[in-house]
Amino acid sequence: MADSANKIVQLARSQDRLTTLDYATQIFDDFIEFHGDRNFRDDGAILGGIASLAGRPVTIVGIQKGKGLQDNLDRNFGQPHPEGYRKALRLMKQAEKFGRPIITFINTAGAFPGSGAEERGQGEAIARNLLEMSDLRVPIIAIINGEGGSGGALALAVADRVWMLENAMYSILSPEGFATILWKDSSRAPEAAELLKITSKDLLKNGVIDKIISEENTIDILKAALITELDNLSKLTTDELVEARYQRFRKY
């Protein structure tokens, strides 16, 4: 019997899930982390850098949740500030300049909603990423490996291929937020989770994602899938790549 949507939500939020840093060091070789947005400061909630995959140089950008209280405080519990999204875009534009494919990992409850983040242009930073990613002339694969919350997740998910781990979730807002808005009762979040269709199986059925990654032997399965898919995407011309990405999101 398949797990309920509410059970998937709990699994997606588990602190035991692999992080972007885990994937960067276990799937790829020679990972080197980069820092800063060259404008304001670094943001620990976004981790990015360069690495190699089967001899192919790639850029990795992902949302990093912490392990333990202090790590989560340093990572802002995986809720990026605008400077985090601008760091991500800087690294993605650098990848385009040097012809490196981009792999993104997404696990966030959403972009940080604090007043300082809003004053520094949180909405603009997210919108800018959506705009720029839609036109990047290198392959992009996005992997939702935990929570995929709202625009904060979408800001790294405008990709040629969008994959999800089987116990991940991807939603316009949290079940608690949905229940509060619709029924004025956050305790009805389990019911909201079912209505939102946020599980990997629902999203694959509805054409929002392209593949579900098993959570058994995840590292080996994901590494093999990435190598194969990058080989396939590399056969497209840049014009074909960008047009197919545009059409992928237009069909929504």
Protein backbone atom coordinates (compact mmCIF):
# COMPACT_ATOMS: atom_id res chain seq x y z
CA MET A 1 0.00 0.00 0.00
CA ALA A 2 1.32 3.42 -0.95
CA ASP A 3 2.14 5.90 1.80
CA SER A 4 -0.39 8.68 2.36
CA ALA A 5 0.46 12.18 1.19
CA ASN A 6 0.79 13.26 4.82
CA LYS A 7 3.28 10.45 5.47
CA ILE A 8 5.29 11.60 2.44
CA VAL A 9 5.33 15.13 3.87
CA GLN A 10 6.83 13.84 7.11
CA LEU A 11 9.43 11.79 5.24
CA ALA A 12 10.32 14.74 3.00
CA ARG A 13 10.93 16.91 6.07
CA SER A 14 13.07 14.36 7.92
CA GLN A 15 16.43 15.65 9.12
CA ASP A 16 17.91 12.26 8.22
CA ARG A 17 17.66 12.92 4.49
CA LEU A 18 20.81 13.33 2.43
CA THR A 19 21.74 16.97 1.84
CA THR A 20 23.13 18.76 -1.19
CA LEU A 21 26.60 18.46 0.32
CA ASP A 22 26.14 14.71 0.71
CA TYR A 23 25.21 14.36 -2.96
CA ALA A 24 27.99 16.71 -4.07
CA THR A 25 30.64 14.62 -2.33
CA GLN A 26 29.21 11.13 -2.89
CA ILE A 27 28.06 11.32 -6.53
CA PHE A 28 30.60 13.73 -7.98
CA ASP A 29 34.39 13.93 -7.92
CA ASP A 30 36.60 16.87 -6.91
CA PHE A 31 33.83 19.11 -5.59
CA ILE A 32 35.01 22.67 -4.90
CA GLU A 33 32.59 25.00 -3.11
CA PHE A 34 32.20 28.65 -4.12
CA HIS A 35 30.84 31.43 -1.92
CA GLY A 36 29.12 34.80 -2.15
CA ASP A 37 26.87 36.70 -4.53
CA ARG A 38 29.48 39.42 -5.24
CA ASN A 39 26.99 41.98 -4.01
CA PHE A 40 26.03 41.56 -0.34
CA ARG A 41 27.25 38.39 1.39
CA ASP A 42 27.35 34.61 1.33
CA ASP A 43 24.25 32.61 2.21
CA GLY A 44 24.78 29.23 3.87
CA ALA A 45 21.34 28.04 2.75
CA ILE A 46 22.63 27.81 -0.82
CA LEU A 47 25.57 25.54 -1.53
CA GLY A 48 27.26 25.62 -4.91
CA GLY A 49 30.45 24.89 -6.75
CA ILE A 50 32.08 22.85 -9.48
CA ALA A 51 32.82 19.15 -9.72
CA SER A 52 33.17 16.40 -12.28
CA LEU A 53 30.86 13.52 -13.18
CA ALA A 54 32.37 10.67 -15.16
CA GLY A 55 35.02 13.09 -16.37
CA ARG A 56 32.52 15.80 -17.35
CA PRO A 57 32.83 19.19 -15.59
CA VAL A 58 29.53 20.26 -13.99
CA THR A 59 28.19 23.01 -11.77
CA ILE A 60 26.26 21.99 -8.66
CA VAL A 61 23.83 24.35 -6.93
CA GLY A 62 21.55 23.28 -4.13
CA ILE A 63 19.63 24.30 -1.06
CA GLN A 64 21.39 23.04 2.04
CA LYS A 65 19.56 22.16 5.23
CA GLY A 66 21.62 21.58 8.34
CA LYS A 67 22.19 18.54 10.48
CA GLY A 68 21.74 19.46 14.11
CA LEU A 69 20.75 22.77 15.67
CA GLN A 70 23.88 24.84 15.08
CA ASP A 71 24.26 23.63 11.49
CA ASN A 72 20.61 24.48 10.83
CA LEU A 73 21.12 27.94 12.30
CA ASP A 74 24.14 28.44 10.04
CA ARG A 75 22.11 27.23 7.06
CA ASN A 76 19.00 29.21 8.09
CA PHE A 77 17.09 25.91 8.13
CA GLY A 78 17.43 25.70 4.34
CA GLN A 79 15.50 28.93 3.69
CA PRO A 80 17.56 31.07 1.30
CA HIS A 81 17.88 34.84 1.44
CA PRO A 82 17.94 36.84 -1.82
CA GLU A 83 21.75 36.80 -1.76
CA GLY A 84 21.55 33.01 -1.83
CA TYR A 85 19.48 33.02 -5.00
CA ARG A 86 21.85 35.60 -6.49
CA LYS A 87 24.80 33.38 -5.62
CA ALA A 88 23.02 30.50 -7.34
CA LEU A 89 22.45 32.62 -10.44
CA ARG A 90 26.07 33.79 -10.46
CA LEU A 91 27.23 30.18 -10.50
CA MET A 92 24.71 29.20 -13.17
CA LYS A 93 25.77 32.07 -15.43
CA GLN A 94 29.39 31.04 -14.87
CA ALA A 95 28.42 27.50 -15.91
CA GLU A 96 26.88 28.86 -19.09
CA LYS A 97 30.04 30.84 -19.86
CA PHE A 98 32.22 27.74 -19.59
CA GLY A 99 29.75 25.26 -21.09
CA ARG A 100 29.19 23.22 -17.94
CA PRO A 101 25.87 21.41 -17.33
CA ILE A 102 24.04 22.45 -14.16
CA ILE A 103 22.69 20.07 -11.51
CA THR A 104 20.44 21.56 -8.82
CA PHE A 105 19.26 19.97 -5.59
CA ILE A 106 16.14 21.31 -3.89
CA ASN A 107 15.07 20.83 -0.29
CA THR A 108 13.42 23.87 1.28
CA ALA A 109 10.22 24.84 3.04
CA GLY A 110 10.47 28.07 1.03
CA ALA A 111 12.45 31.25 0.64
CA PHE A 112 13.15 33.10 3.89
CA PRO A 113 10.21 35.49 4.58
CA GLY A 114 11.93 37.90 6.96
CA SER A 115 11.73 41.67 6.58
CA GLY A 116 15.43 42.00 5.75
CA ALA A 117 15.11 39.49 2.92
CA GLU A 118 12.13 41.39 1.53
CA GLU A 119 13.97 44.69 1.79
CA ARG A 120 16.87 43.22 -0.21
CA GLY A 121 14.54 42.05 -2.98
CA GLN A 122 13.54 38.45 -2.29
CA GLY A 123 10.79 38.48 -4.90
CA GLU A 124 13.04 40.05 -7.52
CA ALA A 125 15.81 37.53 -6.84
CA ILE A 126 13.46 34.59 -7.32
CA ALA A 127 11.86 36.11 -10.43
CA ARG A 128 15.29 36.85 -11.91
CA ASN A 129 16.30 33.21 -11.50
CA LEU A 130 13.15 32.03 -13.25
CA LEU A 131 13.83 34.39 -16.14
CA GLU A 132 17.51 33.62 -16.49
CA MET A 133 17.25 29.86 -16.06
CA SER A 134 14.67 29.63 -18.82
CA ASP A 135 17.27 30.91 -21.29
CA LEU A 136 20.52 29.33 -20.07
CA ARG A 137 22.25 27.61 -22.98
CA VAL A 138 23.53 24.58 -21.09
CA PRO A 139 21.68 21.47 -19.85
CA ILE A 140 19.96 21.78 -16.46
CA ILE A 141 18.74 18.89 -14.32
CA ALA A 142 16.82 19.71 -11.13
CA ILE A 143 16.41 17.13 -8.36
CA ILE A 144 13.89 17.63 -5.57
CA ASN A 145 15.41 15.62 -2.75
CA GLY A 146 13.18 16.68 0.15
CA GLU A 147 10.73 19.56 0.46
CA GLY A 148 10.03 21.55 -2.67
CA GLY A 149 8.30 24.55 -1.20
CA SER A 150 6.76 27.30 -3.34
CA GLY A 151 8.76 29.87 -5.33
CA GLY A 152 11.77 29.22 -3.14
CA ALA A 153 12.04 25.78 -4.73
CA LEU A 154 11.00 26.82 -8.24
CA ALA A 155 13.86 29.34 -8.30
CA LEU A 156 16.22 26.38 -8.84
CA ALA A 157 13.83 24.15 -10.80
CA VAL A 158 13.45 25.76 -14.24
CA ALA A 159 15.26 22.84 -15.84
CA ASP A 160 15.29 20.53 -18.85
CA ARG A 161 14.58 17.59 -16.56
CA VAL A 162 12.95 17.72 -13.14
CA TRP A 163 13.31 14.62 -10.98
CA MET A 164 12.07 13.78 -7.50
CA LEU A 165 13.10 11.30 -4.89
CA GLU A 166 10.20 8.99 -4.20
CA ASN A 167 9.57 10.40 -0.71
CA ALA A 168 9.99 14.06 -1.65
CA MET A 169 7.23 16.66 -2.04
CA TYR A 170 6.75 19.64 -4.39
CA SER A 171 4.02 22.19 -3.77
CA ILE A 172 2.89 25.77 -4.24
CA LEU A 173 2.71 26.10 -0.44
CA SER A 174 2.80 23.91 2.65
CA PRO A 175 -0.20 21.76 3.60
CA GLU A 176 -0.42 23.79 6.82
CA GLY A 177 -0.57 27.04 4.85
CA PHE A 178 -3.15 25.61 2.46
CA ALA A 179 -5.35 24.42 5.34
CA THR A 180 -5.08 27.77 7.09
CA ILE A 181 -6.08 29.70 3.97
CA LEU A 182 -8.88 27.36 2.89
CA TRP A 183 -10.37 26.28 6.21
CA LYS A 184 -8.77 28.61 8.78
CA ASP A 185 -7.56 25.46 10.51
CA SER A 186 -3.94 24.31 10.21
CA SER A 187 -4.77 21.02 11.96
CA ARG A 188 -6.38 19.88 8.70
CA ALA A 189 -2.95 19.79 7.02
CA PRO A 190 -3.12 16.00 6.41
CA GLU A 191 -6.34 16.51 4.44
CA ALA A 192 -4.77 19.40 2.55
CA ALA A 193 -1.77 17.27 1.65
CA GLU A 194 -4.04 14.83 -0.16
CA LEU A 195 -5.81 17.60 -2.07
CA LEU A 196 -2.60 19.34 -3.14
CA LYS A 197 -1.26 16.33 -5.10
CA ILE A 198 2.29 16.98 -3.94
CA THR A 199 3.79 13.49 -4.02
CA SER A 200 6.22 12.27 -6.65
CA LYS A 201 3.68 9.78 -8.03
CA ASP A 202 0.99 12.46 -8.41
CA LEU A 203 3.40 14.90 -10.02
CA LEU A 204 4.78 12.33 -12.45
CA LYS A 205 1.23 11.39 -13.44
CA ASN A 206 0.40 15.06 -14.04
CA GLY A 207 3.55 15.72 -16.09
CA VAL A 208 5.13 18.16 -13.63
CA ILE A 209 8.21 15.97 -13.12
CA ASP A 210 9.99 13.57 -15.45
CA LYS A 211 11.37 10.83 -13.22
CA ILE A 212 11.10 9.33 -9.74
CA ILE A 213 14.35 8.27 -8.09
CA SER A 214 14.17 5.28 -5.74
CA GLU A 215 15.37 5.84 -2.19
CA GLU A 216 17.10 2.48 -2.13
CA ASN A 217 20.68 2.75 -3.41
CA THR A 218 19.88 6.38 -4.20
CA ILE A 219 23.47 7.49 -4.79
CA ASP A 220 24.22 4.77 -7.35
CA ILE A 221 20.87 5.13 -9.11
CA LEU A 222 21.08 8.90 -9.29
CA LYS A 223 24.68 8.91 -10.50
CA ALA A 224 23.90 6.50 -13.34
CA ALA A 225 20.76 8.44 -14.30
CA LEU A 226 22.64 11.75 -14.37
CA ILE A 227 25.41 10.37 -16.58
CA THR A 228 22.88 8.93 -19.04
CA GLU A 229 20.67 12.03 -19.14
CA LEU A 230 23.56 14.46 -19.59
CA ASP A 231 24.75 12.34 -22.50
CA ASN A 232 21.27 12.60 -24.03
CA LEU A 233 20.93 16.35 -23.45
CA SER A 234 24.39 17.02 -24.86
CA LYS A 235 23.20 15.72 -28.24
CA LEU A 236 20.82 18.69 -28.59
CA THR A 237 21.90 21.98 -30.08
CA THR A 238 21.68 24.95 -27.72
CA ASP A 239 18.67 26.29 -29.63
CA GLU A 240 16.90 22.92 -29.39
CA LEU A 241 17.72 22.73 -25.68
CA VAL A 242 16.31 26.16 -24.83
CA GLU A 243 13.21 25.70 -26.98
CA ALA A 244 12.43 22.30 -25.43
CA ARG A 245 12.80 23.79 -21.94
CA TYR A 246 10.45 26.63 -22.87
CA GLN A 247 7.86 24.20 -24.25
CA ARG A 248 8.18 21.98 -21.18
CA PHE A 249 6.95 24.78 -18.94
CA ARG A 250 4.49 26.24 -21.45
CA LYS A 251 2.43 23.05 -21.38
CA TYR A 252 1.51 23.70 -17.75
